[in-house]
Amino acid sequence: MAVTDFRFPIKLNKLPVQGLVAESSSSAPSAPVEGQLWTDTVNHTIKFWNASVWKDVLNRTDQTGTQTASTISDLATVVKAYRLDEFANPTAPINFSGQRATNGADPTASTDLATKQYVDNARAGIAVKDPVRVVASTAVDLSSLPAAIDGVTMTGGNSFLAVAQATGTQNGLYLYPGSGQAATRRSDADAGGEVLDGTLVAVAEGTKAGTQYMQTATPSGAPGSWTQLWVQFSSGGQTYTADGLGIELSGTTISLELADATLTKSASGLTVGLVTVAKGGTGATTVAGARAALGTVGKFSANVGALTGGVPLSITHNLQSVDILEPSLKEISSGELVGARWVVVDANTVSLTTATSFAADTFRVTVVG
């Protein structure tokens, strides 16, 4: 079939064209112009020239611009079909806007979220009840309640534990409606299976404040049809009392009492200051002062250095006293006491003079004062 070669554009004046078929070939036409159509017979697609590359009319990767969600017929269906575990993990807190997460499984890992059923079952398993305000450790008239139980003035709505009723079947957990009114069993402890062997309840006030009580009898029906046996399971903590012998207790603070100003205390410990002689001390800060206060004498002994005949040699004894006894000079080798000239220089020093010279460590001197 002959092909007519038009050299100029054909103006159709908006007339529809039927049976128009784009140029087709296995390779792209050469020297295309913008808007030219071409059917790729290899990939069976229709493409157009955008002035730089051939674009596939139906390939969305070749398209640009925005397509609204409303124009995609199955968008909602497809997106809603994805499971939550197929989406990326959240990197910020998730706000449920006050809604519940339902139909969850029991947790298995320590970081798993727990369902209410799991928590309720776990709580029932350990059988811990809500606390009571007080324990009635002596029998009370449950038909006409007193104003106070265990020294605590009760108010309507409080709960208490009766453990010492004359009729054992009356023991149990009760609500306090008001003074002179009849007690009713608590709603969590009035039906079969709600009070078990091992049920625990904590006590908030009264002489048993801070303790826990455990029910130890085997249940046999609803509370009231069998005797509940409640025993104190734990204490309310250790109580401390000052002995009055130097230990002071103020609230929860234990401290050391100081008898007088001679004692001081700090973060580093106890410091003992000057203790008078009357209290077994010396009242002094030096050895000499202590000796003076106690009326005792001190003694100083040492080897004597080299002596030069006729030249005084100073000997420091640090006894801080000029009232000394005449020092003794003993020859080390023989043990013989020898004479010498002594002079008291001051409270801590004497001088020694011999007629002849002697080597060091020939003599040993003793000063008492």
Protein backbone atom coordinates (compact mmCIF):
# COMPACT_ATOMS: atom_id res chain seq x y z
CA MET A 1 0.00 0.00 0.00
CA ALA A 2 1.38 3.33 -0.94
CA VAL A 3 2.14 5.80 1.82
CA THR A 4 1.29 9.43 1.29
CA ASP A 5 3.97 11.71 2.58
CA PHE A 6 2.43 14.90 4.01
CA ARG A 7 4.91 17.71 4.27
CA PHE A 8 2.61 20.03 6.12
CA PRO A 9 0.31 19.63 9.14
CA ILE A 10 -3.25 18.56 8.37
CA LYS A 11 -5.85 20.73 10.11
CA LEU A 12 -8.88 18.58 10.94
CA ASN A 13 -10.90 21.39 12.59
CA LYS A 14 -11.67 19.15 15.60
CA LEU A 15 -13.15 16.40 13.49
CA PRO A 16 -12.90 12.99 15.14
CA VAL A 17 -10.51 10.49 13.60
CA GLN A 18 -11.49 6.84 13.51
CA GLY A 19 -9.14 3.93 13.15
CA LEU A 20 -6.03 6.01 13.81
CA VAL A 21 -3.03 3.74 14.36
CA ALA A 22 0.28 5.10 15.59
CA GLU A 23 3.45 4.27 13.75
CA SER A 24 4.71 0.84 14.83
CA SER A 25 8.11 -0.77 14.68
CA SER A 26 10.54 -2.78 16.77
CA SER A 27 12.82 0.21 17.18
CA ALA A 28 12.07 3.84 17.89
CA PRO A 29 11.67 6.22 14.95
CA SER A 30 14.62 8.43 14.26
CA ALA A 31 14.51 12.21 14.65
CA PRO A 32 11.15 12.28 16.48
CA VAL A 33 9.37 15.51 17.35
CA GLU A 34 7.62 16.35 20.59
CA GLY A 35 4.25 14.63 20.85
CA GLN A 36 5.04 12.00 18.21
CA LEU A 37 3.41 8.61 18.89
CA TRP A 38 5.04 5.26 18.34
CA THR A 39 3.88 1.68 18.99
CA ASP A 40 6.73 -0.51 20.32
CA THR A 41 6.08 -3.91 18.71
CA VAL A 42 8.62 -5.59 21.00
CA ASN A 43 7.05 -4.53 24.33
CA HIS A 44 3.60 -3.92 22.82
CA THR A 45 3.29 -0.49 24.35
CA ILE A 46 2.46 2.91 22.93
CA LYS A 47 4.89 5.70 23.63
CA PHE A 48 5.23 9.40 22.97
CA TRP A 49 8.25 11.64 22.53
CA ASN A 50 8.48 14.34 25.20
CA ALA A 51 11.24 16.23 23.43
CA SER A 52 13.96 14.26 25.23
CA VAL A 53 12.94 10.60 25.76
CA TRP A 54 10.22 8.16 24.75
CA LYS A 55 7.59 7.87 27.52
CA ASP A 56 5.29 4.89 28.00
CA VAL A 57 1.74 6.21 28.06
CA LEU A 58 0.54 3.55 30.55
CA ASN A 59 3.68 3.18 32.69
CA ARG A 60 3.18 5.21 35.89
CA THR A 61 6.90 5.49 36.48
CA ASP A 62 7.01 7.57 33.30
CA GLN A 63 4.27 9.89 34.52
CA THR A 64 4.56 12.94 36.81
CA GLY A 65 2.02 14.99 38.70
CA THR A 66 -0.57 14.23 41.40
CA GLN A 67 -3.34 11.68 41.26
CA THR A 68 -5.93 11.96 44.03
CA ALA A 69 -6.92 8.89 46.01
CA SER A 70 -10.54 9.22 44.84
CA THR A 71 -9.48 8.48 41.28
CA ILE A 72 -7.98 5.11 42.29
CA SER A 73 -10.91 2.74 42.51
CA ASP A 74 -9.36 0.04 44.70
CA LEU A 75 -7.05 2.17 46.85
CA ALA A 76 -9.01 1.81 50.13
CA THR A 77 -9.58 -1.90 49.57
CA VAL A 78 -5.93 -2.65 48.90
CA VAL A 79 -4.54 -0.49 51.73
CA LYS A 80 -7.00 -1.83 54.28
CA ALA A 81 -6.03 -5.36 53.34
CA TYR A 82 -2.50 -4.88 54.63
CA ARG A 83 -1.83 -6.24 58.15
CA LEU A 84 -0.40 -3.93 60.81
CA ASP A 85 2.66 -6.16 61.14
CA GLU A 86 3.43 -5.45 57.45
CA PHE A 87 3.85 -1.74 58.09
CA ALA A 88 7.05 -0.17 59.42
CA ASN A 89 7.53 -0.17 63.21
CA PRO A 90 6.44 3.04 64.98
CA THR A 91 9.17 5.37 66.20
CA ALA A 92 6.96 7.48 68.49
CA PRO A 93 4.18 6.85 71.03
CA ILE A 94 0.87 5.69 69.56
CA ASN A 95 -2.20 7.65 70.64
CA PHE A 96 -5.34 5.50 70.84
CA SER A 97 -7.52 8.60 71.40
CA GLY A 98 -9.21 6.96 74.36
CA GLN A 99 -10.03 3.78 72.46
CA ARG A 100 -9.32 0.23 73.62
CA ALA A 101 -7.09 -2.35 71.96
CA THR A 102 -9.19 -5.53 71.96
CA ASN A 103 -8.89 -9.28 71.37
CA GLY A 104 -5.24 -9.50 72.39
CA ALA A 105 -3.27 -12.63 73.21
CA ASP A 106 -1.68 -13.40 76.56
CA PRO A 107 1.83 -11.94 76.88
CA THR A 108 4.87 -14.22 76.69
CA ALA A 109 7.83 -11.82 76.77
CA SER A 110 8.66 -9.40 79.58
CA THR A 111 7.99 -6.40 77.30
CA ASP A 112 4.65 -7.68 75.93
CA LEU A 113 1.47 -5.75 76.70
CA ALA A 114 -0.94 -7.61 78.97
CA THR A 115 -4.69 -8.01 78.48
CA LYS A 116 -7.14 -7.29 81.28
CA GLN A 117 -8.07 -10.97 81.35
CA TYR A 118 -4.44 -11.93 81.85
CA VAL A 119 -4.00 -9.42 84.68
CA ASP A 120 -7.26 -10.50 86.33
CA ASN A 121 -6.27 -14.16 86.10
CA ALA A 122 -2.79 -13.47 87.46
CA ARG A 123 -4.23 -11.44 90.31
CA ALA A 124 -6.73 -14.16 91.08
CA GLY A 125 -3.93 -16.69 91.02
CA ILE A 126 -2.06 -14.96 93.83
CA ALA A 127 -5.40 -14.07 95.49
CA VAL A 128 -4.50 -10.55 96.63
CA LYS A 129 -7.47 -8.50 97.76
CA ASP A 130 -7.80 -4.74 97.96
CA PRO A 131 -6.53 -3.44 101.34
CA VAL A 132 -8.71 -2.99 104.40
CA ARG A 133 -8.51 0.03 106.63
CA VAL A 134 -8.23 -1.95 109.89
CA VAL A 135 -8.32 -5.45 111.36
CA ALA A 136 -10.85 -6.29 114.05
CA SER A 137 -8.50 -8.46 116.12
CA THR A 138 -11.18 -8.89 118.78
CA ALA A 139 -14.80 -9.83 118.21
CA VAL A 140 -17.13 -7.03 117.10
CA ASP A 141 -20.91 -6.92 116.91
CA LEU A 142 -21.44 -7.20 113.16
CA SER A 143 -25.14 -6.41 113.54
CA SER A 144 -24.48 -3.07 115.27
CA LEU A 145 -21.00 -1.82 114.53
CA PRO A 146 -19.03 0.37 116.95
CA ALA A 147 -17.86 3.84 115.95
CA ALA A 148 -14.22 2.75 116.06
CA ILE A 149 -12.44 -0.49 115.27
CA ASP A 150 -8.92 -1.12 116.57
CA GLY A 151 -8.77 2.49 117.76
CA VAL A 152 -9.59 3.96 114.34
CA THR A 153 -12.79 5.98 113.89
CA MET A 154 -14.51 4.44 110.89
CA THR A 155 -16.51 6.16 108.17
CA GLY A 156 -19.08 4.82 105.76
CA GLY A 157 -17.56 2.91 102.86
CA ASN A 158 -14.47 1.78 104.79
CA SER A 159 -13.70 -1.92 104.83
CA PHE A 160 -12.32 -4.06 107.62
CA LEU A 161 -11.21 -7.62 108.26
CA ALA A 162 -12.81 -9.62 111.07
CA VAL A 163 -10.48 -12.36 112.31
CA ALA A 164 -11.61 -13.14 115.88
CA GLN A 165 -15.39 -13.56 115.82
CA ALA A 166 -16.80 -15.94 118.43
CA THR A 167 -18.57 -17.68 115.56
CA GLY A 168 -15.81 -18.51 113.10
CA THR A 169 -18.11 -18.45 110.08
CA GLN A 170 -18.48 -14.68 110.66
CA ASN A 171 -14.80 -14.03 109.96
CA GLY A 172 -13.99 -12.31 106.69
CA LEU A 173 -13.88 -9.07 104.73
CA TYR A 174 -16.62 -6.54 105.45
CA LEU A 175 -17.85 -3.09 104.46
CA TYR A 176 -18.52 -0.56 107.20
CA PRO A 177 -21.81 1.29 106.44
CA GLY A 178 -21.85 3.36 109.64
CA SER A 179 -21.87 3.26 113.44
CA GLY A 180 -24.71 1.15 114.83
CA GLN A 181 -25.43 -0.39 111.43
CA ALA A 182 -24.93 -3.99 110.30
CA ALA A 183 -21.79 -4.89 108.38
CA THR A 184 -22.06 -6.48 104.93
CA ARG A 185 -19.50 -8.70 103.30
CA ARG A 186 -17.40 -7.02 100.64
CA SER A 187 -18.54 -7.72 97.09
CA ASP A 188 -15.21 -9.32 96.25
CA ALA A 189 -15.47 -11.68 99.23
CA ASP A 190 -19.10 -12.75 99.44
CA ALA A 191 -19.35 -15.57 96.87
CA GLY A 192 -17.83 -19.00 96.44
CA GLY A 193 -14.31 -18.97 95.01
CA GLU A 194 -13.61 -15.36 96.02
CA VAL A 195 -11.80 -16.17 99.29
CA LEU A 196 -9.19 -18.88 98.86
CA ASP A 197 -6.61 -20.75 100.88
CA GLY A 198 -3.80 -18.23 100.49
CA THR A 199 -5.85 -15.06 99.94
CA LEU A 200 -3.85 -12.01 101.08
CA VAL A 201 -5.06 -8.61 102.26
CA ALA A 202 -3.01 -5.63 103.45
CA VAL A 203 -3.93 -3.44 106.43
CA ALA A 204 -3.68 0.36 106.19
CA GLU A 205 -4.26 1.67 109.73
CA GLY A 206 -4.60 0.69 113.38
CA THR A 207 -2.23 -1.41 115.45
CA LYS A 208 -1.73 -3.75 112.49
CA ALA A 209 -0.94 -0.99 109.98
CA GLY A 210 1.47 -2.15 107.31
CA THR A 211 0.87 -5.85 107.93
CA GLN A 212 -0.66 -8.50 105.68
CA TYR A 213 -3.13 -11.22 106.64
CA MET A 214 -3.53 -14.57 104.88
CA GLN A 215 -6.59 -16.82 104.90
CA THR A 216 -5.36 -20.38 105.55
CA ALA A 217 -8.50 -22.52 105.81
CA THR A 218 -9.75 -24.66 102.90
CA PRO A 219 -12.89 -23.01 101.42
CA SER A 220 -16.10 -25.02 101.24
CA GLY A 221 -18.68 -22.73 99.70
CA ALA A 222 -19.56 -19.09 99.94
CA PRO A 223 -18.13 -17.00 102.81
CA GLY A 224 -20.34 -17.42 105.85
CA SER A 225 -20.81 -21.15 105.32
CA TRP A 226 -17.31 -22.09 106.51
CA THR A 227 -14.85 -20.79 109.09
CA GLN A 228 -12.25 -18.45 107.65
CA LEU A 229 -8.91 -18.57 109.45
CA TRP A 230 -6.90 -15.39 108.95
CA VAL A 231 -3.32 -15.24 110.29
CA GLN A 232 -0.83 -12.42 110.22
CA PHE A 233 1.41 -13.14 107.25
CA SER A 234 3.90 -10.26 107.45
CA SER A 235 4.80 -7.58 109.95
CA GLY A 236 4.50 -3.88 109.35
CA GLY A 237 8.26 -3.33 109.48
CA GLN A 238 10.73 -3.17 112.36
CA THR A 239 10.02 -0.78 115.23
CA TYR A 240 12.99 0.97 116.83
CA THR A 241 13.17 2.41 120.36
CA ALA A 242 15.96 4.57 121.74
CA ASP A 243 17.66 3.02 124.77
CA GLY A 244 18.07 6.35 126.58
CA LEU A 245 21.78 5.66 127.06
CA GLY A 246 23.30 7.99 124.50
CA ILE A 247 21.15 6.99 121.50
CA GLU A 248 18.50 9.47 120.36
CA LEU A 249 15.55 8.55 118.09
CA SER A 250 13.58 11.34 116.45
CA GLY A 251 11.04 10.05 113.95
CA THR A 252 13.09 7.83 111.68
CA THR A 253 16.43 9.46 112.50
CA ILE A 254 18.85 7.80 114.92
CA SER A 255 21.58 10.01 116.35
CA LEU A 256 24.18 10.07 119.12
CA GLU A 257 23.55 12.24 122.16
CA LEU A 258 26.51 14.33 123.39
CA ALA A 259 27.03 14.58 127.13
CA ASP A 260 28.88 17.92 127.10
CA ALA A 261 30.90 20.33 125.01
CA THR A 262 34.00 18.13 125.11
CA LEU A 263 32.33 15.91 122.48
CA THR A 264 31.51 16.95 118.94
CA LYS A 265 30.13 15.03 115.97
CA SER A 266 30.27 15.56 112.25
CA ALA A 267 29.91 13.65 108.99
CA SER A 268 33.33 12.12 109.63
CA GLY A 269 32.43 10.78 113.07
CA LEU A 270 32.72 11.51 116.79
CA THR A 271 35.50 13.77 118.06
CA VAL A 272 36.64 13.81 121.69
CA GLY A 273 37.87 17.22 122.88
CA LEU A 274 39.59 18.18 126.12
CA VAL A 275 38.57 15.85 128.91
CA THR A 276 39.13 17.10 132.43
CA VAL A 277 41.09 15.22 135.05
CA ALA A 278 37.86 14.77 137.01
CA LYS A 279 36.46 12.76 134.08
CA GLY A 280 39.57 10.70 133.55
CA GLY A 281 41.34 13.01 131.12
CA THR A 282 44.17 15.48 131.40
CA GLY A 283 42.55 18.70 130.21
CA ALA A 284 45.66 19.36 128.16
CA THR A 285 46.75 19.26 124.54
CA THR A 286 50.44 18.50 125.15
CA VAL A 287 52.37 15.83 126.99
CA ALA A 288 53.92 18.37 129.32
CA GLY A 289 50.53 19.93 129.98
CA ALA A 290 49.08 16.52 130.72
CA ARG A 291 51.90 15.74 133.17
CA ALA A 292 51.44 19.08 134.85
CA ALA A 293 47.68 18.58 135.17
CA LEU A 294 48.15 15.09 136.54
CA GLY A 295 51.07 16.07 138.79
CA THR A 296 53.38 13.50 137.24
CA VAL A 297 56.97 13.71 136.04
CA GLY A 298 58.41 12.84 132.68
CA LYS A 299 61.60 11.10 131.72
CA PHE A 300 63.95 11.58 128.78
CA SER A 301 66.77 9.17 127.85
CA ALA A 302 69.14 9.21 124.87
CA ASN A 303 72.72 8.49 123.85
CA VAL A 304 75.00 11.49 124.12
CA GLY A 305 76.81 12.82 121.09
CA ALA A 306 80.54 13.60 120.90
CA LEU A 307 81.86 15.63 123.82
CA THR A 308 84.68 18.15 123.68
CA GLY A 309 86.44 18.74 126.98
CA GLY A 310 85.35 21.98 128.65
CA VAL A 311 82.73 22.74 125.94
CA PRO A 312 79.01 22.58 126.91
CA LEU A 313 76.83 20.22 124.83
CA SER A 314 73.12 21.08 124.63
CA ILE A 315 70.68 18.22 125.24
CA THR A 316 67.01 18.80 124.34
CA HIS A 317 64.62 16.79 126.52
CA ASN A 318 61.30 18.63 125.76
CA LEU A 319 59.96 17.98 129.26
CA GLN A 320 58.78 21.62 129.40
CA SER A 321 59.97 22.02 132.97
CA VAL A 322 62.88 23.73 134.63
CA ASP A 323 62.17 21.75 137.80
CA ILE A 324 64.17 18.71 136.83
CA LEU A 325 66.22 16.32 138.88
CA GLU A 326 69.94 16.31 138.29
CA PRO A 327 70.46 14.33 135.05
CA SER A 328 72.37 11.09 135.26
CA LEU A 329 75.21 10.21 132.92
CA LYS A 330 75.96 6.52 132.46
CA GLU A 331 78.89 5.02 130.60
CA ILE A 332 77.33 2.64 128.06
CA SER A 333 80.15 0.08 128.02
CA SER A 334 80.48 -0.37 131.78
CA GLY A 335 77.16 0.85 133.11
CA GLU A 336 79.04 3.13 135.52
CA LEU A 337 77.47 6.45 136.51
CA VAL A 338 79.88 9.35 136.05
CA GLY A 339 79.87 12.95 137.17
CA ALA A 340 79.50 15.97 134.93
CA ARG A 341 78.59 19.65 135.08
CA TRP A 342 74.91 20.33 134.31
CA VAL A 343 73.15 23.62 133.58
CA VAL A 344 69.39 24.11 133.06
CA VAL A 345 69.23 26.21 129.89
CA ASP A 346 65.41 26.42 129.60
CA ALA A 347 62.29 24.31 130.14
CA ASN A 348 63.30 21.95 127.34
CA THR A 349 67.10 22.05 127.34
CA VAL A 350 70.05 21.30 129.59
CA SER A 351 73.77 21.57 128.84
CA LEU A 352 76.41 18.95 129.72
CA THR A 353 80.12 19.71 130.20
CA THR A 354 82.91 17.19 130.83
CA ALA A 355 86.58 17.83 131.58
CA THR A 356 87.83 15.64 128.74
CA SER A 357 86.63 14.74 125.29
CA PHE A 358 84.65 11.60 124.50
CA ALA A 359 83.42 9.99 121.32
CA ALA A 360 79.72 9.94 120.48
CA ASP A 361 77.65 7.17 122.06
CA THR A 362 80.09 6.78 124.95
CA PHE A 363 77.46 7.88 127.44
CA ARG A 364 73.70 7.72 127.85
CA VAL A 365 71.85 10.58 129.59
CA THR A 366 68.58 10.45 131.56
CA VAL A 367 66.63 13.60 132.51
CA VAL A 368 63.64 13.46 134.90
CA GLY A 369 61.37 16.44 135.45
